[in-house]
PDB file of N, CA and C in Angstrom:
ATOM      1  N   MET A   1     -18.884  21.430  -6.570  1.00  0.00           N
ATOM      2  CA  MET A   1     -18.353  21.106  -7.876  1.00  0.00           C
ATOM      3  C   MET A   1     -18.341  19.587  -8.024  1.00  0.00           C
ATOM      4  N   SER A   2     -18.877  19.111  -9.100  1.00  0.00           N
ATOM      5  CA  SER A   2     -18.913  17.677  -9.361  1.00  0.00           C
ATOM      6  C   SER A   2     -17.928  17.343 -10.482  1.00  0.00           C
ATOM      7  N   ILE A   3     -17.094  16.359 -10.220  1.00  0.00           N
ATOM      8  CA  ILE A   3     -16.090  15.944 -11.195  1.00  0.00           C
ATOM      9  C   ILE A   3     -16.613  14.723 -11.938  1.00  0.00           C
ATOM     10  N   VAL A   4     -16.522  14.775 -13.249  1.00  0.00           N
ATOM     11  CA  VAL A   4     -16.939  13.648 -14.074  1.00  0.00           C
ATOM     12  C   VAL A   4     -15.769  12.672 -14.172  1.00  0.00           C
ATOM     13  N   LEU A   5     -16.010  11.429 -13.759  1.00  0.00           N
ATOM     14  CA  LEU A   5     -14.962  10.411 -13.807  1.00  0.00           C
ATOM     15  C   LEU A   5     -15.048   9.672 -15.132  1.00  0.00           C
ATOM     16  N   ASN A   6     -14.197  10.080 -16.053  1.00  0.00           N
ATOM     17  CA  ASN A   6     -14.198   9.486 -17.380  1.00  0.00           C
ATOM     18  C   ASN A   6     -13.014   8.532 -17.534  1.00  0.00           C
ATOM     19  N   GLU A   7     -12.842   8.012 -18.724  1.00  0.00           N
ATOM     20  CA  GLU A   7     -11.768   7.057 -18.987  1.00  0.00           C
ATOM     21  C   GLU A   7     -10.390   7.658 -18.713  1.00  0.00           C
ATOM     22  N   GLU A   8     -10.210   8.938 -19.010  1.00  0.00           N
ATOM     23  CA  GLU A   8      -8.929   9.607 -18.783  1.00  0.00           C
ATOM     24  C   GLU A   8      -8.582   9.638 -17.287  1.00  0.00           C
ATOM     25  N   TYR A   9      -9.580   9.823 -16.439  1.00  0.00           N
ATOM     26  CA  TYR A   9      -9.373   9.828 -14.990  1.00  0.00           C
ATOM     27  C   TYR A   9      -8.717   8.518 -14.557  1.00  0.00           C
ATOM     28  N   TYR A  10      -9.314   7.411 -14.953  1.00  0.00           N
ATOM     29  CA  TYR A  10      -8.799   6.105 -14.563  1.00  0.00           C
ATOM     30  C   TYR A  10      -7.467   5.798 -15.236  1.00  0.00           C
ATOM     31  N   LYS A  11      -7.269   6.272 -16.452  1.00  0.00           N
ATOM     32  CA  LYS A  11      -6.007   6.070 -17.166  1.00  0.00           C
ATOM     33  C   LYS A  11      -4.866   6.769 -16.424  1.00  0.00           C
ATOM     34  N   LEU A  12      -5.086   8.015 -16.019  1.00  0.00           N
ATOM     35  CA  LEU A  12      -4.053   8.758 -15.302  1.00  0.00           C
ATOM     36  C   LEU A  12      -3.753   8.123 -13.945  1.00  0.00           C
ATOM     37  N   LEU A  13      -4.792   7.690 -13.234  1.00  0.00           N
ATOM     38  CA  LEU A  13      -4.564   7.025 -11.953  1.00  0.00           C
ATOM     39  C   LEU A  13      -3.756   5.740 -12.136  1.00  0.00           C
ATOM     40  N   HIS A  14      -4.080   4.982 -13.171  1.00  0.00           N
ATOM     41  CA  HIS A  14      -3.341   3.752 -13.444  1.00  0.00           C
ATOM     42  C   HIS A  14      -1.881   4.065 -13.772  1.00  0.00           C
ATOM     43  N   GLU A  15      -1.646   5.090 -14.569  1.00  0.00           N
ATOM     44  CA  GLU A  15      -0.275   5.484 -14.898  1.00  0.00           C
ATOM     45  C   GLU A  15       0.492   5.890 -13.643  1.00  0.00           C
ATOM     46  N   LEU A  16      -0.161   6.650 -12.771  1.00  0.00           N
ATOM     47  CA  LEU A  16       0.488   7.055 -11.524  1.00  0.00           C
ATOM     48  C   LEU A  16       0.837   5.839 -10.665  1.00  0.00           C
ATOM     49  N   GLN A  17      -0.072   4.903 -10.569  1.00  0.00           N
ATOM     50  CA  GLN A  17       0.188   3.706  -9.775  1.00  0.00           C
ATOM     51  C   GLN A  17       1.352   2.909 -10.350  1.00  0.00           C
ATOM     52  N   ALA A  18       1.402   2.779 -11.656  1.00  0.00           N
ATOM     53  CA  ALA A  18       2.487   2.036 -12.292  1.00  0.00           C
ATOM     54  C   ALA A  18       3.831   2.723 -12.065  1.00  0.00           C
ATOM     55  N   VAL A  19       3.874   4.029 -12.246  1.00  0.00           N
ATOM     56  CA  VAL A  19       5.116   4.775 -12.058  1.00  0.00           C
ATOM     57  C   VAL A  19       5.522   4.753 -10.587  1.00  0.00           C
ATOM     58  N   ASP A  20       4.559   4.877  -9.678  1.00  0.00           N
ATOM     59  CA  ASP A  20       4.872   4.807  -8.248  1.00  0.00           C
ATOM     60  C   ASP A  20       5.475   3.449  -7.890  1.00  0.00           C
ATOM     61  N   PHE A  21       4.959   2.377  -8.480  1.00  0.00           N
ATOM     62  CA  PHE A  21       5.506   1.043  -8.237  1.00  0.00           C
ATOM     63  C   PHE A  21       6.968   0.988  -8.672  1.00  0.00           C
ATOM     64  N   VAL A  22       7.248   1.486  -9.861  1.00  0.00           N
ATOM     65  CA  VAL A  22       8.629   1.490 -10.366  1.00  0.00           C
ATOM     66  C   VAL A  22       9.525   2.305  -9.440  1.00  0.00           C
ATOM     67  N   LEU A  23       9.043   3.457  -8.994  1.00  0.00           N
ATOM     68  CA  LEU A  23       9.848   4.308  -8.114  1.00  0.00           C
ATOM     69  C   LEU A  23      10.134   3.628  -6.776  1.00  0.00           C
ATOM     70  N   VAL A  24       9.171   2.932  -6.219  1.00  0.00           N
ATOM     71  CA  VAL A  24       9.397   2.216  -4.960  1.00  0.00           C
ATOM     72  C   VAL A  24      10.434   1.125  -5.160  1.00  0.00           C
ATOM     73  N   GLU A  25      10.301   0.370  -6.250  1.00  0.00           N
ATOM     74  CA  GLU A  25      11.259  -0.710  -6.520  1.00  0.00           C
ATOM     75  C   GLU A  25      12.672  -0.163  -6.741  1.00  0.00           C
ATOM     76  N   LEU A  26      12.777   0.911  -7.503  1.00  0.00           N
ATOM     77  CA  LEU A  26      14.094   1.511  -7.720  1.00  0.00           C
ATOM     78  C   LEU A  26      14.662   2.066  -6.417  1.00  0.00           C
ATOM     79  N   ASN A  27      13.806   2.653  -5.589  1.00  0.00           N
ATOM     80  CA  ASN A  27      14.245   3.175  -4.301  1.00  0.00           C
ATOM     81  C   ASN A  27      14.814   2.044  -3.432  1.00  0.00           C
ATOM     82  N   LEU A  28      14.114   0.931  -3.382  1.00  0.00           N
ATOM     83  CA  LEU A  28      14.597  -0.213  -2.604  1.00  0.00           C
ATOM     84  C   LEU A  28      15.924  -0.739  -3.157  1.00  0.00           C
ATOM     85  N   TYR A  29      16.014  -0.818  -4.470  1.00  0.00           N
ATOM     86  CA  TYR A  29      17.252  -1.275  -5.100  1.00  0.00           C
ATOM     87  C   TYR A  29      18.405  -0.329  -4.770  1.00  0.00           C
ATOM     88  N   LEU A  30      18.145   0.966  -4.880  1.00  0.00           N
ATOM     89  CA  LEU A  30      19.202   1.947  -4.647  1.00  0.00           C
ATOM     90  C   LEU A  30      19.633   2.000  -3.177  1.00  0.00           C
ATOM     91  N   ASP A  31      18.761   1.566  -2.272  1.00  0.00           N
ATOM     92  CA  ASP A  31      19.164   1.487  -0.866  1.00  0.00           C
ATOM     93  C   ASP A  31      20.329   0.514  -0.683  1.00  0.00           C
ATOM     94  N   THR A  32      20.385  -0.504  -1.521  1.00  0.00           N
ATOM     95  CA  THR A  32      21.456  -1.499  -1.403  1.00  0.00           C
ATOM     96  C   THR A  32      22.510  -1.380  -2.503  1.00  0.00           C
ATOM     97  N   HIS A  33      22.245  -0.546  -3.514  1.00  0.00           N
ATOM     98  CA  HIS A  33      23.187  -0.342  -4.621  1.00  0.00           C
ATOM     99  C   HIS A  33      23.313   1.160  -4.916  1.00  0.00           C
ATOM    100  N   PRO A  34      23.789   1.938  -3.948  1.00  0.00           N
ATOM    101  CA  PRO A  34      23.780   3.394  -4.085  1.00  0.00           C
ATOM    102  C   PRO A  34      24.708   3.957  -5.161  1.00  0.00           C
ATOM    103  N   MET A  35      25.586   3.161  -5.685  1.00  0.00           N
ATOM    104  CA  MET A  35      26.526   3.654  -6.698  1.00  0.00           C
ATOM    105  C   MET A  35      26.096   3.304  -8.120  1.00  0.00           C
ATOM    106  N   ASP A  36      24.948   2.690  -8.283  1.00  0.00           N
ATOM    107  CA  ASP A  36      24.480   2.261  -9.612  1.00  0.00           C
ATOM    108  C   ASP A  36      23.911   3.477 -10.361  1.00  0.00           C
ATOM    109  N   SER A  37      24.746   4.074 -11.179  1.00  0.00           N
ATOM    110  CA  SER A  37      24.352   5.311 -11.864  1.00  0.00           C
ATOM    111  C   SER A  37      23.214   5.077 -12.862  1.00  0.00           C
ATOM    112  N   ASN A  38      23.148   3.895 -13.456  1.00  0.00           N
ATOM    113  CA  ASN A  38      22.036   3.603 -14.371  1.00  0.00           C
ATOM    114  C   ASN A  38      20.705   3.581 -13.629  1.00  0.00           C
ATOM    115  N   ALA A  39      20.690   2.974 -12.455  1.00  0.00           N
ATOM    116  CA  ALA A  39      19.467   2.934 -11.653  1.00  0.00           C
ATOM    117  C   ALA A  39      19.083   4.336 -11.175  1.00  0.00           C
ATOM    118  N   ILE A  40      20.060   5.138 -10.828  1.00  0.00           N
ATOM    119  CA  ILE A  40      19.787   6.518 -10.411  1.00  0.00           C
ATOM    120  C   ILE A  40      19.187   7.299 -11.580  1.00  0.00           C
ATOM    121  N   GLN A  41      19.739   7.088 -12.765  1.00  0.00           N
ATOM    122  CA  GLN A  41      19.202   7.756 -13.958  1.00  0.00           C
ATOM    123  C   GLN A  41      17.759   7.325 -14.203  1.00  0.00           C
ATOM    124  N   GLN A  42      17.486   6.025 -14.104  1.00  0.00           N
ATOM    125  CA  GLN A  42      16.115   5.535 -14.273  1.00  0.00           C
ATOM    126  C   GLN A  42      15.190   6.139 -13.220  1.00  0.00           C
ATOM    127  N   TYR A  43      15.661   6.171 -11.966  1.00  0.00           N
ATOM    128  CA  TYR A  43      14.858   6.744 -10.894  1.00  0.00           C
ATOM    129  C   TYR A  43      14.491   8.191 -11.212  1.00  0.00           C
ATOM    130  N   ASN A  44      15.468   8.969 -11.624  1.00  0.00           N
ATOM    131  CA  ASN A  44      15.221  10.377 -11.938  1.00  0.00           C
ATOM    132  C   ASN A  44      14.260  10.537 -13.118  1.00  0.00           C
ATOM    133  N   GLN A  45      14.394   9.680 -14.122  1.00  0.00           N
ATOM    134  CA  GLN A  45      13.473   9.739 -15.266  1.00  0.00           C
ATOM    135  C   GLN A  45      12.042   9.437 -14.834  1.00  0.00           C
ATOM    136  N   TYR A  46      11.871   8.412 -14.003  1.00  0.00           N
ATOM    137  CA  TYR A  46      10.527   8.068 -13.542  1.00  0.00           C
ATOM    138  C   TYR A  46       9.977   9.124 -12.576  1.00  0.00           C
ATOM    139  N   ALA A  47      10.852   9.741 -11.792  1.00  0.00           N
ATOM    140  CA  ALA A  47      10.412  10.817 -10.902  1.00  0.00           C
ATOM    141  C   ALA A  47       9.880  12.000 -11.723  1.00  0.00           C
ATOM    142  N   GLN A  48      10.567  12.329 -12.810  1.00  0.00           N
ATOM    143  CA  GLN A  48      10.098  13.403 -13.687  1.00  0.00           C
ATOM    144  C   GLN A  48       8.799  13.017 -14.382  1.00  0.00           C
ATOM    145  N   LEU A  49       8.710  11.767 -14.835  1.00  0.00           N
ATOM    146  CA  LEU A  49       7.483  11.297 -15.461  1.00  0.00           C
ATOM    147  C   LEU A  49       6.320  11.371 -14.479  1.00  0.00           C
ATOM    148  N   ARG A  50       6.569  10.994 -13.231  1.00  0.00           N
ATOM    149  CA  ARG A  50       5.511  11.053 -12.224  1.00  0.00           C
ATOM    150  C   ARG A  50       5.034  12.485 -12.020  1.00  0.00           C
ATOM    151  N   GLN A  51       5.961  13.418 -11.982  1.00  0.00           N
ATOM    152  CA  GLN A  51       5.583  14.828 -11.835  1.00  0.00           C
ATOM    153  C   GLN A  51       4.700  15.276 -12.994  1.00  0.00           C
ATOM    154  N   GLN A  52       5.041  14.860 -14.204  1.00  0.00           N
ATOM    155  CA  GLN A  52       4.246  15.240 -15.378  1.00  0.00           C
ATOM    156  C   GLN A  52       2.837  14.644 -15.314  1.00  0.00           C
ATOM    157  N   ILE A  53       2.747  13.361 -14.974  1.00  0.00           N
ATOM    158  CA  ILE A  53       1.434  12.714 -14.894  1.00  0.00           C
ATOM    159  C   ILE A  53       0.615  13.327 -13.769  1.00  0.00           C
ATOM    160  N   ALA A  54       1.242  13.551 -12.617  1.00  0.00           N
ATOM    161  CA  ALA A  54       0.533  14.153 -11.485  1.00  0.00           C
ATOM    162  C   ALA A  54       0.040  15.549 -11.838  1.00  0.00           C
ATOM    163  N   HIS A  55       0.841  16.316 -12.566  1.00  0.00           N
ATOM    164  CA  HIS A  55       0.413  17.652 -12.977  1.00  0.00           C
ATOM    165  C   HIS A  55      -0.811  17.571 -13.893  1.00  0.00           C
ATOM    166  N   ARG A  56      -0.774  16.637 -14.848  1.00  0.00           N
ATOM    167  CA  ARG A  56      -1.937  16.466 -15.738  1.00  0.00           C
ATOM    168  C   ARG A  56      -3.172  16.071 -14.935  1.00  0.00           C
ATOM    169  N   TYR A  57      -2.992  15.131 -14.011  1.00  0.00           N
ATOM    170  CA  TYR A  57      -4.121  14.690 -13.189  1.00  0.00           C
ATOM    171  C   TYR A  57      -4.682  15.863 -12.375  1.00  0.00           C
ATOM    172  N   GLU A  58      -3.813  16.563 -11.673  1.00  0.00           N
ATOM    173  CA  GLU A  58      -4.266  17.644 -10.790  1.00  0.00           C
ATOM    174  C   GLU A  58      -4.901  18.794 -11.555  1.00  0.00           C
ATOM    175  N   SER A  59      -4.408  19.066 -12.749  1.00  0.00           N
ATOM    176  CA  SER A  59      -4.999  20.157 -13.526  1.00  0.00           C
ATOM    177  C   SER A  59      -6.408  19.815 -14.007  1.00  0.00           C
ATOM    178  N   GLN A  60      -6.703  18.522 -14.137  1.00  0.00           N
ATOM    179  CA  GLN A  60      -8.026  18.105 -14.607  1.00  0.00           C
ATOM    180  C   GLN A  60      -8.963  17.673 -13.489  1.00  0.00           C
ATOM    181  N   TYR A  61      -8.414  17.050 -12.421  1.00  0.00           N
ATOM    182  CA  TYR A  61      -9.278  16.401 -11.436  1.00  0.00           C
ATOM    183  C   TYR A  61      -9.063  16.847 -10.001  1.00  0.00           C
ATOM    184  N   GLY A  62      -8.107  17.718  -9.751  1.00  0.00           N
ATOM    185  CA  GLY A  62      -7.898  18.208  -8.402  1.00  0.00           C
ATOM    186  C   GLY A  62      -6.658  17.614  -7.751  1.00  0.00           C
ATOM    187  N   PRO A  63      -6.399  18.040  -6.518  1.00  0.00           N
ATOM    188  CA  PRO A  63      -5.151  17.678  -5.843  1.00  0.00           C
ATOM    189  C   PRO A  63      -5.057  16.204  -5.492  1.00  0.00           C
ATOM    190  N   LEU A  64      -3.823  15.715  -5.506  1.00  0.00           N
ATOM    191  CA  LEU A  64      -3.518  14.343  -5.093  1.00  0.00           C
ATOM    192  C   LEU A  64      -3.043  14.278  -3.640  1.00  0.00           C
ATOM    193  N   LYS A  65      -2.426  15.336  -3.162  1.00  0.00           N
ATOM    194  CA  LYS A  65      -1.855  15.359  -1.813  1.00  0.00           C
ATOM    195  C   LYS A  65      -2.326  16.616  -1.094  1.00  0.00           C
ATOM    196  N   ASN A  66      -2.312  16.563   0.226  1.00  0.00           N
ATOM    197  CA  ASN A  66      -2.677  17.754   0.991  1.00  0.00           C
ATOM    198  C   ASN A  66      -1.475  18.273   1.779  1.00  0.00           C
ATOM    199  N   PHE A  67      -1.728  19.134   2.721  1.00  0.00           N
ATOM    200  CA  PHE A  67      -0.701  19.747   3.559  1.00  0.00           C
ATOM    201  C   PHE A  67       0.330  20.524   2.743  1.00  0.00           C
ATOM    202  N   GLY A  68      -0.158  21.235   1.712  1.00  0.00           N
ATOM    203  CA  GLY A  68       0.706  22.103   0.934  1.00  0.00           C
ATOM    204  C   GLY A  68       1.492  21.418  -0.156  1.00  0.00           C
ATOM    205  N   GLN A  69       1.261  20.134  -0.385  1.00  0.00           N
ATOM    206  CA  GLN A  69       1.998  19.428  -1.427  1.00  0.00           C
ATOM    207  C   GLN A  69       1.321  19.512  -2.781  1.00  0.00           C
ATOM    208  N   SER A  70       0.052  19.913  -2.796  1.00  0.00           N
ATOM    209  CA  SER A  70      -0.690  20.126  -4.038  1.00  0.00           C
ATOM    210  C   SER A  70      -1.499  21.402  -3.888  1.00  0.00           C
ATOM    211  N   LEU A  71      -1.631  22.135  -4.969  1.00  0.00           N
ATOM    212  CA  LEU A  71      -2.417  23.359  -4.951  1.00  0.00           C
ATOM    213  C   LEU A  71      -3.895  23.031  -5.059  1.00  0.00           C
ATOM    214  N   SER A  72      -4.727  23.941  -4.596  1.00  0.00           N
ATOM    215  CA  SER A  72      -6.178  23.779  -4.689  1.00  0.00           C
ATOM    216  C   SER A  72      -6.741  24.912  -5.514  1.00  0.00           C
ATOM    217  N   SER A  73      -7.793  24.607  -6.234  1.00  0.00           N
ATOM    218  CA  SER A  73      -8.499  25.654  -6.967  1.00  0.00           C
ATOM    219  C   SER A  73      -9.566  26.252  -6.057  1.00  0.00           C
ATOM    220  N   THR A  74     -10.254  27.262  -6.546  1.00  0.00           N
ATOM    221  CA  THR A  74     -11.369  27.846  -5.818  1.00  0.00           C
ATOM    222  C   THR A  74     -12.648  27.369  -6.465  1.00  0.00           C
ATOM    223  N   PRO A  75     -13.591  26.854  -5.739  1.00  0.00           N
ATOM    224  CA  PRO A  75     -13.606  26.707  -4.287  1.00  0.00           C
ATOM    225  C   PRO A  75     -12.711  25.563  -3.837  1.00  0.00           C
ATOM    226  N   TRP A  76     -12.468  25.521  -2.516  1.00  0.00           N
ATOM    227  CA  TRP A  76     -11.686  24.458  -1.908  1.00  0.00           C
ATOM    228  C   TRP A  76     -12.199  23.124  -2.401  1.00  0.00           C
ATOM    229  N   CYS A  77     -11.341  22.286  -2.939  1.00  0.00           N
ATOM    230  CA  CYS A  77     -11.821  21.087  -3.626  1.00  0.00           C
ATOM    231  C   CYS A  77     -11.468  19.777  -2.938  1.00  0.00           C
ATOM    232  N   TRP A  78     -10.983  19.828  -1.704  1.00  0.00           N
ATOM    233  CA  TRP A  78     -10.640  18.584  -1.022  1.00  0.00           C
ATOM    234  C   TRP A  78     -11.857  17.761  -0.647  1.00  0.00           C
ATOM    235  N   ASN A  79     -13.015  18.379  -0.600  1.00  0.00           N
ATOM    236  CA  ASN A  79     -14.204  17.618  -0.226  1.00  0.00           C
ATOM    237  C   ASN A  79     -14.926  17.045  -1.435  1.00  0.00           C
ATOM    238  N   ASP A  80     -14.373  17.207  -2.625  1.00  0.00           N
ATOM    239  CA  ASP A  80     -14.950  16.614  -3.828  1.00  0.00           C
ATOM    240  C   ASP A  80     -14.548  15.148  -3.892  1.00  0.00           C
ATOM    241  N   ALA A  81     -15.516  14.296  -3.863  1.00  0.00           N
ATOM    242  CA  ALA A  81     -15.240  12.845  -3.895  1.00  0.00           C
ATOM    243  C   ALA A  81     -15.421  12.326  -5.316  1.00  0.00           C
ATOM    244  N   PRO A  82     -14.888  11.222  -5.685  1.00  0.00           N
ATOM    245  CA  PRO A  82     -14.044  10.387  -4.835  1.00  0.00           C
ATOM    246  C   PRO A  82     -12.601  10.847  -4.870  1.00  0.00           C
ATOM    247  N   TRP A  83     -11.892  10.560  -3.817  1.00  0.00           N
ATOM    248  CA  TRP A  83     -10.465  10.833  -3.767  1.00  0.00           C
ATOM    249  C   TRP A  83      -9.737   9.690  -4.463  1.00  0.00           C
ATOM    250  N   PRO A  84      -8.527   9.914  -4.950  1.00  0.00           N
ATOM    251  CA  PRO A  84      -7.833   8.878  -5.726  1.00  0.00           C
ATOM    252  C   PRO A  84      -7.759   7.534  -5.016  1.00  0.00           C
ATOM    253  N   TRP A  85      -7.619   7.531  -3.703  1.00  0.00           N
ATOM    254  CA  TRP A  85      -7.494   6.270  -2.973  1.00  0.00           C
ATOM    255  C   TRP A  85      -8.844   5.585  -2.742  1.00  0.00           C
ATOM    256  N   GLN A  86      -9.945   6.215  -3.177  1.00  0.00           N
ATOM    257  CA  GLN A  86     -11.254   5.629  -2.992  1.00  0.00           C
ATOM    258  C   GLN A  86     -11.759   4.886  -4.223  1.00  0.00           C
ATOM    259  N   VAL A  87     -11.063   4.993  -5.337  1.00  0.00           N
ATOM    260  CA  VAL A  87     -11.540   4.331  -6.559  1.00  0.00           C
ATOM    261  C   VAL A  87     -10.748   3.076  -6.832  1.00  0.00           C
TER     262      VAL A  87
END
């Protein structure tokens, strides 16, 4: 199976990277400010947004994670390149 890498592919990857950056920063902040309810709320909102973007990506372009963290279609699609970390 060959996946066509169009503008939407790169847009979704960019969105995931941006949201992941925010989540890492909020995670680091919350490590030192665990009682900041506003930051926790932001973290949860971005975590939900990440799930939505990842679902859109995976439904169109295949799994983002392995070891049971993402579903695969038939045929097995882990060998379809490029993988997100290769672009």
